[in-house]
Amino acid sequence: MVERNVGVDNYKVDLAVKDTKSNNYILAIEVDSSAYSNSKNTRDRDIHRHKYLIARGFKTYRVFTKNWLNNKELEIERIISLIKNTKN
């Protein structure tokens, strides 16, 4: 199951994959946007968010718009592979 805008305060992720058997989130998928590239503190925010998510059991994956537009199928394959590897 995939949920949008999961988290609290400044630690929300765009998409979160939830294992329906355990009811736990297993993958956080972040998508870049104009806000991503325009933020003055993007690097610091990403480091803190990544640490926060890892501490709560998430694996993370970032989808860059350029990669999505150039090869959406490859991005989907990568996400599916991450989900499968996380569940095993």
PDB file of N, CA and C in Angstrom:
ATOM      1  N   MET A   1       0.846  -1.151   0.000  1.00  0.00           N
ATOM      2  CA  MET A   1       0.000   0.000   0.000  1.00  0.00           C
ATOM      3  C   MET A   1       0.911   1.239   0.000  1.00  0.00           C
ATOM      4  N   VAL A   2       0.502   2.272  -0.742  1.00  0.00           N
ATOM      5  CA  VAL A   2       1.273   3.506  -0.805  1.00  0.00           C
ATOM      6  C   VAL A   2       0.431   4.649  -0.247  1.00  0.00           C
ATOM      7  N   GLU A   3       1.052   5.428   0.652  1.00  0.00           N
ATOM      8  CA  GLU A   3       0.383   6.588   1.230  1.00  0.00           C
ATOM      9  C   GLU A   3       1.183   7.837   0.890  1.00  0.00           C
ATOM     10  N   ARG A   4       0.487   8.959   0.769  1.00  0.00           N
ATOM     11  CA  ARG A   4       1.125  10.228   0.429  1.00  0.00           C
ATOM     12  C   ARG A   4       1.274  11.117   1.659  1.00  0.00           C
ATOM     13  N   ASN A   5       2.351  11.932   1.645  1.00  0.00           N
ATOM     14  CA  ASN A   5       2.604  12.921   2.699  1.00  0.00           C
ATOM     15  C   ASN A   5       2.556  12.324   4.104  1.00  0.00           C
ATOM     16  N   VAL A   6       3.385  11.321   4.321  1.00  0.00           N
ATOM     17  CA  VAL A   6       3.430  10.621   5.604  1.00  0.00           C
ATOM     18  C   VAL A   6       4.499  11.252   6.489  1.00  0.00           C
ATOM     19  N   GLY A   7       4.150  11.482   7.737  1.00  0.00           N
ATOM     20  CA  GLY A   7       5.106  12.002   8.706  1.00  0.00           C
ATOM     21  C   GLY A   7       4.497  13.100   9.537  1.00  0.00           C
ATOM     22  N   VAL A   8       5.370  13.797  10.244  1.00  0.00           N
ATOM     23  CA  VAL A   8       4.935  14.912  11.084  1.00  0.00           C
ATOM     24  C   VAL A   8       5.854  16.106  10.868  1.00  0.00           C
ATOM     25  N   ASP A   9       5.303  17.285  11.084  1.00  0.00           N
ATOM     26  CA  ASP A   9       6.062  18.535  10.990  1.00  0.00           C
ATOM     27  C   ASP A   9       6.861  18.610   9.682  1.00  0.00           C
ATOM     28  N   ASN A  10       8.167  18.837   9.797  1.00  0.00           N
ATOM     29  CA  ASN A  10       9.023  18.982   8.618  1.00  0.00           C
ATOM     30  C   ASN A  10       9.567  17.649   8.107  1.00  0.00           C
ATOM     31  N   TYR A  11       9.149  16.552   8.700  1.00  0.00           N
ATOM     32  CA  TYR A  11       9.682  15.255   8.335  1.00  0.00           C
ATOM     33  C   TYR A  11       8.680  14.425   7.538  1.00  0.00           C
ATOM     34  N   LYS A  12       7.979  15.038   6.631  1.00  0.00           N
ATOM     35  CA  LYS A  12       7.035  14.305   5.789  1.00  0.00           C
ATOM     36  C   LYS A  12       7.734  13.837   4.526  1.00  0.00           C
ATOM     37  N   VAL A  13       7.347  12.647   4.089  1.00  0.00           N
ATOM     38  CA  VAL A  13       7.860  12.131   2.823  1.00  0.00           C
ATOM     39  C   VAL A  13       6.720  12.122   1.811  1.00  0.00           C
ATOM     40  N   ASP A  14       7.091  12.231   0.551  1.00  0.00           N
ATOM     41  CA  ASP A  14       6.083  12.310  -0.503  1.00  0.00           C
ATOM     42  C   ASP A  14       5.248  11.042  -0.586  1.00  0.00           C
ATOM     43  N   LEU A  15       5.926   9.903  -0.601  1.00  0.00           N
ATOM     44  CA  LEU A  15       5.249   8.606  -0.691  1.00  0.00           C
ATOM     45  C   LEU A  15       5.872   7.645   0.314  1.00  0.00           C
ATOM     46  N   ALA A  16       5.032   6.863   0.964  1.00  0.00           N
ATOM     47  CA  ALA A  16       5.528   5.854   1.896  1.00  0.00           C
ATOM     48  C   ALA A  16       4.857   4.527   1.563  1.00  0.00           C
ATOM     49  N   VAL A  17       5.681   3.508   1.403  1.00  0.00           N
ATOM     50  CA  VAL A  17       5.177   2.172   1.096  1.00  0.00           C
ATOM     51  C   VAL A  17       4.998   1.433   2.410  1.00  0.00           C
ATOM     52  N   LYS A  18       3.809   0.877   2.595  1.00  0.00           N
ATOM     53  CA  LYS A  18       3.480   0.162   3.832  1.00  0.00           C
ATOM     54  C   LYS A  18       3.281  -1.315   3.518  1.00  0.00           C
ATOM     55  N   ASP A  19       3.921  -2.156   4.304  1.00  0.00           N
ATOM     56  CA  ASP A  19       3.738  -3.606   4.178  1.00  0.00           C
ATOM     57  C   ASP A  19       2.372  -3.944   4.765  1.00  0.00           C
ATOM     58  N   THR A  20       1.513  -4.521   3.961  1.00  0.00           N
ATOM     59  CA  THR A  20       0.150  -4.803   4.417  1.00  0.00           C
ATOM     60  C   THR A  20       0.097  -5.931   5.451  1.00  0.00           C
ATOM     61  N   LYS A  21       1.107  -6.796   5.473  1.00  0.00           N
ATOM     62  CA  LYS A  21       1.112  -7.882   6.460  1.00  0.00           C
ATOM     63  C   LYS A  21       1.510  -7.383   7.849  1.00  0.00           C
ATOM     64  N   SER A  22       2.573  -6.596   7.905  1.00  0.00           N
ATOM     65  CA  SER A  22       3.061  -6.117   9.202  1.00  0.00           C
ATOM     66  C   SER A  22       2.481  -4.751   9.576  1.00  0.00           C
ATOM     67  N   ASN A  23       1.920  -4.067   8.595  1.00  0.00           N
ATOM     68  CA  ASN A  23       1.363  -2.717   8.775  1.00  0.00           C
ATOM     69  C   ASN A  23       2.449  -1.695   9.102  1.00  0.00           C
ATOM     70  N   ASN A  24       3.711  -2.019   8.747  1.00  0.00           N
ATOM     71  CA  ASN A  24       4.838  -1.112   8.964  1.00  0.00           C
ATOM     72  C   ASN A  24       5.224  -0.441   7.656  1.00  0.00           C
ATOM     73  N   TYR A  25       5.697   0.800   7.754  1.00  0.00           N
ATOM     74  CA  TYR A  25       6.243   1.476   6.585  1.00  0.00           C
ATOM     75  C   TYR A  25       7.610   0.876   6.286  1.00  0.00           C
ATOM     76  N   ILE A  26       7.856   0.579   5.022  1.00  0.00           N
ATOM     77  CA  ILE A  26       9.114  -0.069   4.675  1.00  0.00           C
ATOM     78  C   ILE A  26       9.972   0.735   3.708  1.00  0.00           C
ATOM     79  N   LEU A  27       9.378   1.712   3.023  1.00  0.00           N
ATOM     80  CA  LEU A  27      10.160   2.502   2.079  1.00  0.00           C
ATOM     81  C   LEU A  27       9.591   3.906   1.996  1.00  0.00           C
ATOM     82  N   ALA A  28      10.473   4.887   2.136  1.00  0.00           N
ATOM     83  CA  ALA A  28      10.097   6.290   1.945  1.00  0.00           C
ATOM     84  C   ALA A  28      10.604   6.715   0.576  1.00  0.00           C
ATOM     85  N   ILE A  29       9.713   7.240  -0.243  1.00  0.00           N
ATOM     86  CA  ILE A  29      10.087   7.699  -1.573  1.00  0.00           C
ATOM     87  C   ILE A  29       9.925   9.213  -1.600  1.00  0.00           C
ATOM     88  N   GLU A  30      11.038   9.886  -1.863  1.00  0.00           N
ATOM     89  CA  GLU A  30      11.011  11.334  -1.944  1.00  0.00           C
ATOM     90  C   GLU A  30      11.170  11.752  -3.403  1.00  0.00           C
ATOM     91  N   VAL A  31      10.433  12.780  -3.763  1.00  0.00           N
ATOM     92  CA  VAL A  31      10.429  13.268  -5.139  1.00  0.00           C
ATOM     93  C   VAL A  31      10.928  14.705  -5.122  1.00  0.00           C
ATOM     94  N   ASP A  32      11.907  15.015  -5.981  1.00  0.00           N
ATOM     95  CA  ASP A  32      12.363  16.400  -6.010  1.00  0.00           C
ATOM     96  C   ASP A  32      11.305  17.268  -6.692  1.00  0.00           C
ATOM     97  N   SER A  33      11.379  18.558  -6.433  1.00  0.00           N
ATOM     98  CA  SER A  33      10.424  19.505  -6.999  1.00  0.00           C
ATOM     99  C   SER A  33      11.095  20.863  -7.061  1.00  0.00           C
ATOM    100  N   SER A  34      10.358  21.873  -7.471  1.00  0.00           N
ATOM    101  CA  SER A  34      10.932  23.216  -7.489  1.00  0.00           C
ATOM    102  C   SER A  34      11.323  23.637  -6.082  1.00  0.00           C
ATOM    103  N   ALA A  35      10.552  23.223  -5.088  1.00  0.00           N
ATOM    104  CA  ALA A  35      10.888  23.540  -3.697  1.00  0.00           C
ATOM    105  C   ALA A  35      12.220  22.900  -3.311  1.00  0.00           C
ATOM    106  N   TYR A  36      12.485  21.695  -3.834  1.00  0.00           N
ATOM    107  CA  TYR A  36      13.735  20.988  -3.535  1.00  0.00           C
ATOM    108  C   TYR A  36      14.930  21.784  -4.033  1.00  0.00           C
ATOM    109  N   SER A  37      14.890  22.226  -5.278  1.00  0.00           N
ATOM    110  CA  SER A  37      16.041  22.911  -5.845  1.00  0.00           C
ATOM    111  C   SER A  37      16.158  24.361  -5.381  1.00  0.00           C
ATOM    112  N   ASN A  38      15.080  24.952  -4.918  1.00  0.00           N
ATOM    113  CA  ASN A  38      15.109  26.346  -4.496  1.00  0.00           C
ATOM    114  C   ASN A  38      15.443  26.533  -3.023  1.00  0.00           C
ATOM    115  N   SER A  39      15.428  25.485  -2.265  1.00  0.00           N
ATOM    116  CA  SER A  39      15.666  25.600  -0.831  1.00  0.00           C
ATOM    117  C   SER A  39      17.132  25.903  -0.546  1.00  0.00           C
ATOM    118  N   LYS A  40      17.366  26.889   0.324  1.00  0.00           N
ATOM    119  CA  LYS A  40      18.735  27.257   0.696  1.00  0.00           C
ATOM    120  C   LYS A  40      19.379  26.185   1.556  1.00  0.00           C
ATOM    121  N   ASN A  41      18.572  25.468   2.294  1.00  0.00           N
ATOM    122  CA  ASN A  41      19.091  24.483   3.247  1.00  0.00           C
ATOM    123  C   ASN A  41      18.774  23.056   2.823  1.00  0.00           C
ATOM    124  N   THR A  42      18.706  22.819   1.536  1.00  0.00           N
ATOM    125  CA  THR A  42      18.306  21.505   1.033  1.00  0.00           C
ATOM    126  C   THR A  42      19.190  20.394   1.569  1.00  0.00           C
ATOM    127  N   ARG A  43      20.488  20.570   1.510  1.00  0.00           N
ATOM    128  CA  ARG A  43      21.407  19.515   1.938  1.00  0.00           C
ATOM    129  C   ARG A  43      21.234  19.192   3.418  1.00  0.00           C
ATOM    130  N   ASP A  44      21.192  20.237   4.256  1.00  0.00           N
ATOM    131  CA  ASP A  44      21.009  20.022   5.699  1.00  0.00           C
ATOM    132  C   ASP A  44      19.675  19.339   5.979  1.00  0.00           C
ATOM    133  N   ARG A  45      18.628  19.808   5.329  1.00  0.00           N
ATOM    134  CA  ARG A  45      17.299  19.229   5.538  1.00  0.00           C
ATOM    135  C   ARG A  45      17.298  17.756   5.143  1.00  0.00           C
ATOM    136  N   ASP A  46      17.920  17.440   4.015  1.00  0.00           N
ATOM    137  CA  ASP A  46      17.950  16.056   3.554  1.00  0.00           C
ATOM    138  C   ASP A  46      18.726  15.148   4.499  1.00  0.00           C
ATOM    139  N   ILE A  47      19.824  15.627   5.029  1.00  0.00           N
ATOM    140  CA  ILE A  47      20.622  14.831   5.963  1.00  0.00           C
ATOM    141  C   ILE A  47      19.810  14.528   7.215  1.00  0.00           C
ATOM    142  N   HIS A  48      19.172  15.539   7.770  1.00  0.00           N
ATOM    143  CA  HIS A  48      18.377  15.336   8.985  1.00  0.00           C
ATOM    144  C   HIS A  48      17.163  14.445   8.721  1.00  0.00           C
ATOM    145  N   ARG A  49      16.491  14.669   7.612  1.00  0.00           N
ATOM    146  CA  ARG A  49      15.319  13.852   7.284  1.00  0.00           C
ATOM    147  C   ARG A  49      15.734  12.393   7.092  1.00  0.00           C
ATOM    148  N   HIS A  50      16.845  12.171   6.404  1.00  0.00           N
ATOM    149  CA  HIS A  50      17.323  10.801   6.167  1.00  0.00           C
ATOM    150  C   HIS A  50      17.622  10.108   7.503  1.00  0.00           C
ATOM    151  N   LYS A  51      18.310  10.781   8.404  1.00  0.00           N
ATOM    152  CA  LYS A  51      18.611  10.203   9.712  1.00  0.00           C
ATOM    153  C   LYS A  51      17.338   9.899  10.494  1.00  0.00           C
ATOM    154  N   TYR A  52      16.389  10.814  10.432  1.00  0.00           N
ATOM    155  CA  TYR A  52      15.109  10.641  11.118  1.00  0.00           C
ATOM    156  C   TYR A  52      14.381   9.406  10.590  1.00  0.00           C
ATOM    157  N   LEU A  53      14.340   9.275   9.270  1.00  0.00           N
ATOM    158  CA  LEU A  53      13.628   8.138   8.663  1.00  0.00           C
ATOM    159  C   LEU A  53      14.313   6.812   8.955  1.00  0.00           C
ATOM    160  N   ILE A  54      15.627   6.787   8.864  1.00  0.00           N
ATOM    161  CA  ILE A  54      16.388   5.566   9.147  1.00  0.00           C
ATOM    162  C   ILE A  54      16.156   5.134  10.596  1.00  0.00           C
ATOM    163  N   ALA A  55      16.145   6.087  11.511  1.00  0.00           N
ATOM    164  CA  ALA A  55      15.931   5.781  12.930  1.00  0.00           C
ATOM    165  C   ALA A  55      14.553   5.169  13.170  1.00  0.00           C
ATOM    166  N   ARG A  56      13.623   5.398  12.258  1.00  0.00           N
ATOM    167  CA  ARG A  56      12.272   4.860  12.385  1.00  0.00           C
ATOM    168  C   ARG A  56      12.027   3.653  11.478  1.00  0.00           C
ATOM    169  N   GLY A  57      13.112   3.079  10.958  1.00  0.00           N
ATOM    170  CA  GLY A  57      13.011   1.834  10.218  1.00  0.00           C
ATOM    171  C   GLY A  57      12.760   1.961   8.725  1.00  0.00           C
ATOM    172  N   PHE A  58      12.746   3.172   8.198  1.00  0.00           N
ATOM    173  CA  PHE A  58      12.537   3.362   6.764  1.00  0.00           C
ATOM    174  C   PHE A  58      13.816   3.132   5.976  1.00  0.00           C
ATOM    175  N   LYS A  59      13.671   2.589   4.796  1.00  0.00           N
ATOM    176  CA  LYS A  59      14.693   2.708   3.765  1.00  0.00           C
ATOM    177  C   LYS A  59      14.214   3.874   2.920  1.00  0.00           C
ATOM    178  N   THR A  60      15.136   4.597   2.302  1.00  0.00           N
ATOM    179  CA  THR A  60      14.725   5.766   1.534  1.00  0.00           C
ATOM    180  C   THR A  60      15.186   5.674   0.094  1.00  0.00           C
ATOM    181  N   TYR A  61      14.433   6.322  -0.768  1.00  0.00           N
ATOM    182  CA  TYR A  61      14.792   6.403  -2.182  1.00  0.00           C
ATOM    183  C   TYR A  61      14.304   7.743  -2.710  1.00  0.00           C
ATOM    184  N   ARG A  62      15.154   8.411  -3.454  1.00  0.00           N
ATOM    185  CA  ARG A  62      14.781   9.700  -4.041  1.00  0.00           C
ATOM    186  C   ARG A  62      14.611   9.532  -5.548  1.00  0.00           C
ATOM    187  N   VAL A  63      13.496  10.021  -6.050  1.00  0.00           N
ATOM    188  CA  VAL A  63      13.231  10.026  -7.484  1.00  0.00           C
ATOM    189  C   VAL A  63      13.462  11.451  -7.984  1.00  0.00           C
ATOM    190  N   PHE A  64      14.426  11.596  -8.874  1.00  0.00           N
ATOM    191  CA  PHE A  64      14.687  12.898  -9.466  1.00  0.00           C
ATOM    192  C   PHE A  64      13.851  13.042 -10.737  1.00  0.00           C
ATOM    193  N   THR A  65      13.267  14.214 -10.905  1.00  0.00           N
ATOM    194  CA  THR A  65      12.389  14.466 -12.047  1.00  0.00           C
ATOM    195  C   THR A  65      13.079  14.140 -13.363  1.00  0.00           C
ATOM    196  N   LYS A  66      14.322  14.538 -13.495  1.00  0.00           N
ATOM    197  CA  LYS A  66      15.068  14.288 -14.738  1.00  0.00           C
ATOM    198  C   LYS A  66      15.131  12.784 -15.042  1.00  0.00           C
ATOM    199  N   ASN A  67      15.421  11.984 -14.019  1.00  0.00           N
ATOM    200  CA  ASN A  67      15.486  10.529 -14.215  1.00  0.00           C
ATOM    201  C   ASN A  67      14.116   9.961 -14.570  1.00  0.00           C
ATOM    202  N   TRP A  68      13.078  10.467 -13.893  1.00  0.00           N
ATOM    203  CA  TRP A  68      11.714  10.002 -14.154  1.00  0.00           C
ATOM    204  C   TRP A  68      11.314  10.294 -15.598  1.00  0.00           C
ATOM    205  N   LEU A  69      11.601  11.495 -16.052  1.00  0.00           N
ATOM    206  CA  LEU A  69      11.232  11.883 -17.417  1.00  0.00           C
ATOM    207  C   LEU A  69      12.039  11.133 -18.462  1.00  0.00           C
ATOM    208  N   ASN A  70      13.307  10.849 -18.160  1.00  0.00           N
ATOM    209  CA  ASN A  70      14.161  10.141 -19.117  1.00  0.00           C
ATOM    210  C   ASN A  70      13.899   8.645 -19.174  1.00  0.00           C
ATOM    211  N   ASN A  71      13.528   8.040 -18.030  1.00  0.00           N
ATOM    212  CA  ASN A  71      13.346   6.591 -18.017  1.00  0.00           C
ATOM    213  C   ASN A  71      12.463   6.181 -16.834  1.00  0.00           C
ATOM    214  N   LYS A  72      11.185   6.465 -16.959  1.00  0.00           N
ATOM    215  CA  LYS A  72      10.223   6.166 -15.894  1.00  0.00           C
ATOM    216  C   LYS A  72      10.213   4.677 -15.550  1.00  0.00           C
ATOM    217  N   GLU A  73      10.318   3.831 -16.572  1.00  0.00           N
ATOM    218  CA  GLU A  73      10.269   2.383 -16.345  1.00  0.00           C
ATOM    219  C   GLU A  73      11.412   1.917 -15.459  1.00  0.00           C
ATOM    220  N   LEU A  74      12.607   2.478 -15.677  1.00  0.00           N
ATOM    221  CA  LEU A  74      13.760   2.106 -14.848  1.00  0.00           C
ATOM    222  C   LEU A  74      13.545   2.540 -13.400  1.00  0.00           C
ATOM    223  N   GLU A  75      13.015   3.729 -13.189  1.00  0.00           N
ATOM    224  CA  GLU A  75      12.736   4.198 -11.830  1.00  0.00           C
ATOM    225  C   GLU A  75      11.726   3.280 -11.137  1.00  0.00           C
ATOM    226  N   ILE A  76      10.700   2.879 -11.866  1.00  0.00           N
ATOM    227  CA  ILE A  76       9.693   1.970 -11.303  1.00  0.00           C
ATOM    228  C   ILE A  76      10.322   0.631 -10.950  1.00  0.00           C
ATOM    229  N   GLU A  77      11.174   0.114 -11.835  1.00  0.00           N
ATOM    230  CA  GLU A  77      11.872  -1.150 -11.558  1.00  0.00           C
ATOM    231  C   GLU A  77      12.721  -1.045 -10.292  1.00  0.00           C
ATOM    232  N   ARG A  78      13.411   0.073 -10.137  1.00  0.00           N
ATOM    233  CA  ARG A  78      14.253   0.272  -8.948  1.00  0.00           C
ATOM    234  C   ARG A  78      13.408   0.276  -7.674  1.00  0.00           C
ATOM    235  N   ILE A  79      12.280   0.957  -7.732  1.00  0.00           N
ATOM    236  CA  ILE A  79      11.400   1.029  -6.559  1.00  0.00           C
ATOM    237  C   ILE A  79      10.848  -0.350  -6.225  1.00  0.00           C
ATOM    238  N   ILE A  80      10.398  -1.078  -7.227  1.00  0.00           N
ATOM    239  CA  ILE A  80       9.869  -2.431  -7.005  1.00  0.00           C
ATOM    240  C   ILE A  80      10.954  -3.331  -6.410  1.00  0.00           C
ATOM    241  N   SER A  81      12.160  -3.226  -6.924  1.00  0.00           N
ATOM    242  CA  SER A  81      13.273  -4.024  -6.406  1.00  0.00           C
ATOM    243  C   SER A  81      13.555  -3.684  -4.943  1.00  0.00           C
ATOM    244  N   LEU A  82      13.557  -2.407  -4.609  1.00  0.00           N
ATOM    245  CA  LEU A  82      13.765  -2.002  -3.221  1.00  0.00           C
ATOM    246  C   LEU A  82      12.696  -2.561  -2.306  1.00  0.00           C
ATOM    247  N   ILE A  83      11.465  -2.518  -2.756  1.00  0.00           N
ATOM    248  CA  ILE A  83      10.349  -3.043  -1.948  1.00  0.00           C
ATOM    249  C   ILE A  83      10.522  -4.542  -1.732  1.00  0.00           C
ATOM    250  N   LYS A  84      10.836  -5.271  -2.794  1.00  0.00           N
ATOM    251  CA  LYS A  84      11.034  -6.716  -2.672  1.00  0.00           C
ATOM    252  C   LYS A  84      12.176  -7.045  -1.738  1.00  0.00           C
ATOM    253  N   ASN A  85      13.294  -6.319  -1.857  1.00  0.00           N
ATOM    254  CA  ASN A  85      14.470  -6.574  -1.009  1.00  0.00           C
ATOM    255  C   ASN A  85      14.194  -6.212   0.445  1.00  0.00           C
ATOM    256  N   THR A  86      13.380  -5.220   0.662  1.00  0.00           N
ATOM    257  CA  THR A  86      13.062  -4.793   2.022  1.00  0.00           C
ATOM    258  C   THR A  86      12.163  -5.815   2.705  1.00  0.00           C
ATOM    259  N   LYS A  87      11.278  -6.417   1.951  1.00  0.00           N
ATOM    260  CA  LYS A  87      10.339  -7.387   2.530  1.00  0.00           C
ATOM    261  C   LYS A  87      11.007  -8.727   2.823  1.00  0.00           C
ATOM    262  N   ASN A  88      12.130  -9.006   2.171  1.00  0.00           N
ATOM    263  CA  ASN A  88      12.825 -10.301   2.364  1.00  0.00           C
ATOM    264  C   ASN A  88      13.768 -10.270   3.520  1.00  0.00           C
TER     265      ASN A  88
END
